[in-house]
Structures are given as structure tokens and as C-alpha cells.
C-alpha atoms as a PDB file:
ATOM      1  CA  MET A   1      -0.073  -0.016  -0.026  1.00  0.00           C
ATOM      2  CA  TYR A   2       0.980   3.306  -0.811  1.00  0.00           C
ATOM      3  CA  PRO A   3       1.341   6.410   1.174  1.00  0.00           C
ATOM      4  CA  PHE A   4      -0.330   8.208  -1.607  1.00  0.00           C
ATOM      5  CA  LYS A   5      -3.100   8.111  -4.325  1.00  0.00           C
ATOM      6  CA  SER A   6      -3.140   7.788  -7.984  1.00  0.00           C
ATOM      7  CA  VAL A   7      -5.133   9.461 -10.681  1.00  0.00           C
ATOM      8  CA  THR A   8      -6.167   9.183 -13.688  1.00  0.00           C
ATOM      9  CA  PRO A   9      -4.460  12.130 -16.128  1.00  0.00           C
ATOM     10  CA  GLU A  10      -8.606  13.345 -16.734  1.00  0.00           C
ATOM     11  CA  GLU A  11      -8.921  13.039 -12.876  1.00  0.00           C
ATOM     12  CA  PHE A  12      -5.861  15.557 -12.284  1.00  0.00           C
ATOM     13  CA  TYR A  13      -7.476  18.231 -15.095  1.00  0.00           C
ATOM     14  CA  ALA A  14     -10.301  17.963 -13.540  1.00  0.00           C
ATOM     15  CA  ASN A  15      -8.164  18.980  -9.951  1.00  0.00           C
ATOM     16  CA  HIS A  16      -6.236  21.814 -12.085  1.00  0.00           C
ATOM     17  CA  LYS A  17      -8.849  23.400 -13.416  1.00  0.00           C
ATOM     18  CA  ASN A  18     -10.360  23.825  -9.578  1.00  0.00           C
ATOM     19  CA  GLN A  19      -8.256  24.660  -7.941  1.00  0.00           C
ATOM     20  CA  ALA A  20      -4.822  26.805  -8.111  1.00  0.00           C
ATOM     21  CA  SER A  21      -2.697  25.041  -5.834  1.00  0.00           C
ATOM     22  CA  VAL A  22      -3.032  21.598  -7.052  1.00  0.00           C
ATOM     23  CA  LYS A  23       0.774  21.258  -8.915  1.00  0.00           C
ATOM     24  CA  LEU A  24       2.119  19.105 -11.224  1.00  0.00           C
ATOM     25  CA  ILE A  25       5.360  17.564 -11.201  1.00  0.00           C
ATOM     26  CA  ASP A  26       7.137  15.635 -14.708  1.00  0.00           C
ATOM     27  CA  VAL A  27       9.937  13.614 -13.374  1.00  0.00           C
ATOM     28  CA  ARG A  28      11.178  12.239 -17.401  1.00  0.00           C
ATOM     29  CA  GLU A  29      14.125  13.026 -18.123  1.00  0.00           C
ATOM     30  CA  ASP A  30      15.356  15.805 -20.691  1.00  0.00           C
ATOM     31  CA  GLU A  31      15.667  13.816 -23.568  1.00  0.00           C
ATOM     32  CA  GLU A  32      11.889  12.966 -23.357  1.00  0.00           C
ATOM     33  CA  LEU A  33      10.266  16.396 -23.087  1.00  0.00           C
ATOM     34  CA  GLU A  34      11.518  17.281 -26.206  1.00  0.00           C
ATOM     35  CA  ASP A  35       9.182  14.529 -27.700  1.00  0.00           C
ATOM     36  CA  VAL A  36       6.025  15.589 -26.231  1.00  0.00           C
ATOM     37  CA  SER A  37       5.423  17.554 -22.451  1.00  0.00           C
ATOM     38  CA  THR A  38       2.669  19.187 -21.085  1.00  0.00           C
ATOM     39  CA  PRO A  39       2.490  23.074 -20.372  1.00  0.00           C
ATOM     40  CA  LEU A  40       1.258  22.366 -16.777  1.00  0.00           C
ATOM     41  CA  ALA A  41       4.322  20.435 -15.245  1.00  0.00           C
ATOM     42  CA  LEU A  42       7.272  21.142 -13.477  1.00  0.00           C
ATOM     43  CA  HIS A  43      10.128  19.508 -15.004  1.00  0.00           C
ATOM     44  CA  PHE A  44      12.498  17.549 -12.053  1.00  0.00           C
ATOM     45  CA  PRO A  45      13.647  14.444 -13.719  1.00  0.00           C
ATOM     46  CA  LEU A  46      13.798  11.434 -11.777  1.00  0.00           C
ATOM     47  CA  SER A  47      17.293  11.002 -12.186  1.00  0.00           C
ATOM     48  CA  THR A  48      18.407  14.285 -10.462  1.00  0.00           C
ATOM     49  CA  PHE A  49      15.250  14.539  -8.087  1.00  0.00           C
ATOM     50  CA  ASP A  50      15.370  15.953  -5.014  1.00  0.00           C
ATOM     51  CA  PRO A  51      12.802  17.105  -2.908  1.00  0.00           C
ATOM     52  CA  LYS A  52      14.817  20.422  -0.961  1.00  0.00           C
ATOM     53  CA  VAL A  53      14.826  21.578  -4.787  1.00  0.00           C
ATOM     54  CA  VAL A  54      11.142  20.910  -5.224  1.00  0.00           C
ATOM     55  CA  SER A  55      10.245  22.361  -1.946  1.00  0.00           C
ATOM     56  CA  GLN A  56      11.566  25.766  -3.651  1.00  0.00           C
ATOM     57  CA  ASP A  57       8.620  26.105  -6.289  1.00  0.00           C
ATOM     58  CA  ILE A  58       6.128  23.609  -4.194  1.00  0.00           C
ATOM     59  CA  ALA A  59       5.178  24.216  -0.673  1.00  0.00           C
ATOM     60  CA  LYS A  60       4.517  20.949   1.428  1.00  0.00           C
ATOM     61  CA  ASP A  61       1.021  21.663   1.585  1.00  0.00           C
ATOM     62  CA  SER A  62      -0.134  21.481  -2.128  1.00  0.00           C
ATOM     63  CA  LYS A  63      -1.534  19.021  -3.698  1.00  0.00           C
ATOM     64  CA  VAL A  64       1.001  17.623  -5.662  1.00  0.00           C
ATOM     65  CA  PHE A  65       0.453  15.398  -8.915  1.00  0.00           C
ATOM     66  CA  VAL A  66       3.539  13.522 -10.290  1.00  0.00           C
ATOM     67  CA  LEU A  67       3.683  12.082 -13.914  1.00  0.00           C
ATOM     68  CA  CYS A  68       6.259  10.171 -16.041  1.00  0.00           C
ATOM     69  CA  ARG A  69       5.831   8.488 -18.882  1.00  0.00           C
ATOM     70  CA  SER A  70       3.797   4.906 -17.879  1.00  0.00           C
ATOM     71  CA  GLY A  71       3.757   5.886 -14.407  1.00  0.00           C
ATOM     72  CA  SER A  72       5.728   3.973 -13.022  1.00  0.00           C
ATOM     73  CA  ARG A  73       8.982   6.327 -12.169  1.00  0.00           C
ATOM     74  CA  SER A  74       6.151   8.694 -10.818  1.00  0.00           C
ATOM     75  CA  LYS A  75       5.242   6.655  -8.164  1.00  0.00           C
ATOM     76  CA  ARG A  76       9.246   6.131  -7.218  1.00  0.00           C
ATOM     77  CA  ALA A  77       8.955  10.540  -7.297  1.00  0.00           C
ATOM     78  CA  ALA A  78       5.739  10.361  -4.930  1.00  0.00           C
ATOM     79  CA  LEU A  79       6.990   7.905  -2.813  1.00  0.00           C
ATOM     80  CA  ILE A  80       9.434  10.486  -1.680  1.00  0.00           C
ATOM     81  CA  LEU A  81       7.844  12.800  -1.418  1.00  0.00           C
ATOM     82  CA  CYS A  82       5.642  11.096   1.133  1.00  0.00           C
ATOM     83  CA  GLN A  83       8.994  10.556   2.950  1.00  0.00           C
ATOM     84  CA  GLU A  84      10.275  14.314   3.086  1.00  0.00           C
ATOM     85  CA  GLY A  85       6.472  15.061   4.100  1.00  0.00           C
ATOM     86  CA  TYR A  86       4.389  15.720   1.558  1.00  0.00           C
ATOM     87  CA  LYS A  87       0.714  15.160   2.862  1.00  0.00           C
ATOM     88  CA  ASP A  88      -1.394  15.121  -0.633  1.00  0.00           C
ATOM     89  CA  VAL A  89       0.663  13.336  -3.157  1.00  0.00           C
ATOM     90  CA  TYR A  90      -0.981  11.422  -6.036  1.00  0.00           C
ATOM     91  CA  ASN A  91       0.276   9.872  -8.770  1.00  0.00           C
ATOM     92  CA  VAL A  92      -0.938  10.323 -12.295  1.00  0.00           C
ATOM     93  CA  GLU A  93      -1.668   6.980 -13.766  1.00  0.00           C
ATOM     94  CA  GLY A  94      -0.457   5.887 -17.559  1.00  0.00           C
ATOM     95  CA  GLY A  95       1.843   8.668 -17.481  1.00  0.00           C
ATOM     96  CA  ILE A  96       2.225  11.466 -20.311  1.00  0.00           C
ATOM     97  CA  ILE A  97       0.292   8.676 -22.643  1.00  0.00           C
ATOM     98  CA  ALA A  98      -2.332   8.253 -21.062  1.00  0.00           C
ATOM     99  CA  TRP A  99      -2.234  12.265 -20.236  1.00  0.00           C
ATOM    100  CA  GLU A 100      -2.036  11.856 -24.488  1.00  0.00           C
ATOM    101  CA  ALA A 101      -4.086   9.457 -25.393  1.00  0.00           C
ATOM    102  CA  GLY A 102      -7.123  11.723 -23.166  1.00  0.00           C
ATOM    103  CA  GLY A 103      -6.771  14.315 -25.260  1.00  0.00           C
ATOM    104  CA  LEU A 104      -4.763  16.633 -21.965  1.00  0.00           C
ATOM    105  CA  PRO A 105      -2.847  19.934 -23.835  1.00  0.00           C
ATOM    106  CA  VAL A 106       0.313  19.285 -24.775  1.00  0.00           C
ATOM    107  CA  ASP A 107       3.346  20.612 -26.491  1.00  0.00           C
ATOM    108  CA  ARG A 108       5.323  18.936 -29.053  1.00  0.00           C
ATOM    109  CA  GLY A 109       9.229  19.052 -30.010  1.00  0.00           C
END
């Protein structure tokens, strides 16, 4: 059992539209963002993921959603955030693949 919840990309998007304090983190690597990314996310690659750096941009009392390519790296980052005291953390199931398939906003190239 994980200390965070999982949501679909569509559930994230509904939260984002209704709450200004909602934050999205993309933990994919730089070269992955060159293909497809979402303009709604802050980028903190998992390979250099440091919750102390994240906390400079995102308060620990924020609602934080974590995204990767398919959902497994984002689970690792979500767990790290929970261990560092973030209380309201969500993994975006299916990652950017499901995000794009759901017709949510993306940037290409």
C-alpha cells in the first residue's frame, strides 16, 4: 500500500482547473520532454530528483501530482515526496501516454 493516491490524467485535469494550489511534476528526463510534454508541469527529472529542490517551488501543503511516461517512475517520486513530508500526493496513472490519449494539452517538439 502506497502513502499516496493514484488518479487518471482526466481526474488531475479536473482538479487543476478547480484549484490554483494544484501542482504537477513531470519526472521524465530532458530528452523525453523534447518529444512531448504538458505545459502544465514543472520539470524535476527523477535521475536528479531532490525534494529539497522541489520544496523551493512547491510548498509541502500543496496538492501535488506526479507524472512520468507510463506511471512507474512517478510512483517512486511520489513515495519520495511522501517520505519528505508532503501529505497530499498523487500519481498520475498511465503517465504522459494516457495524458495524450485522453486529449489533454501537450506540446510537441
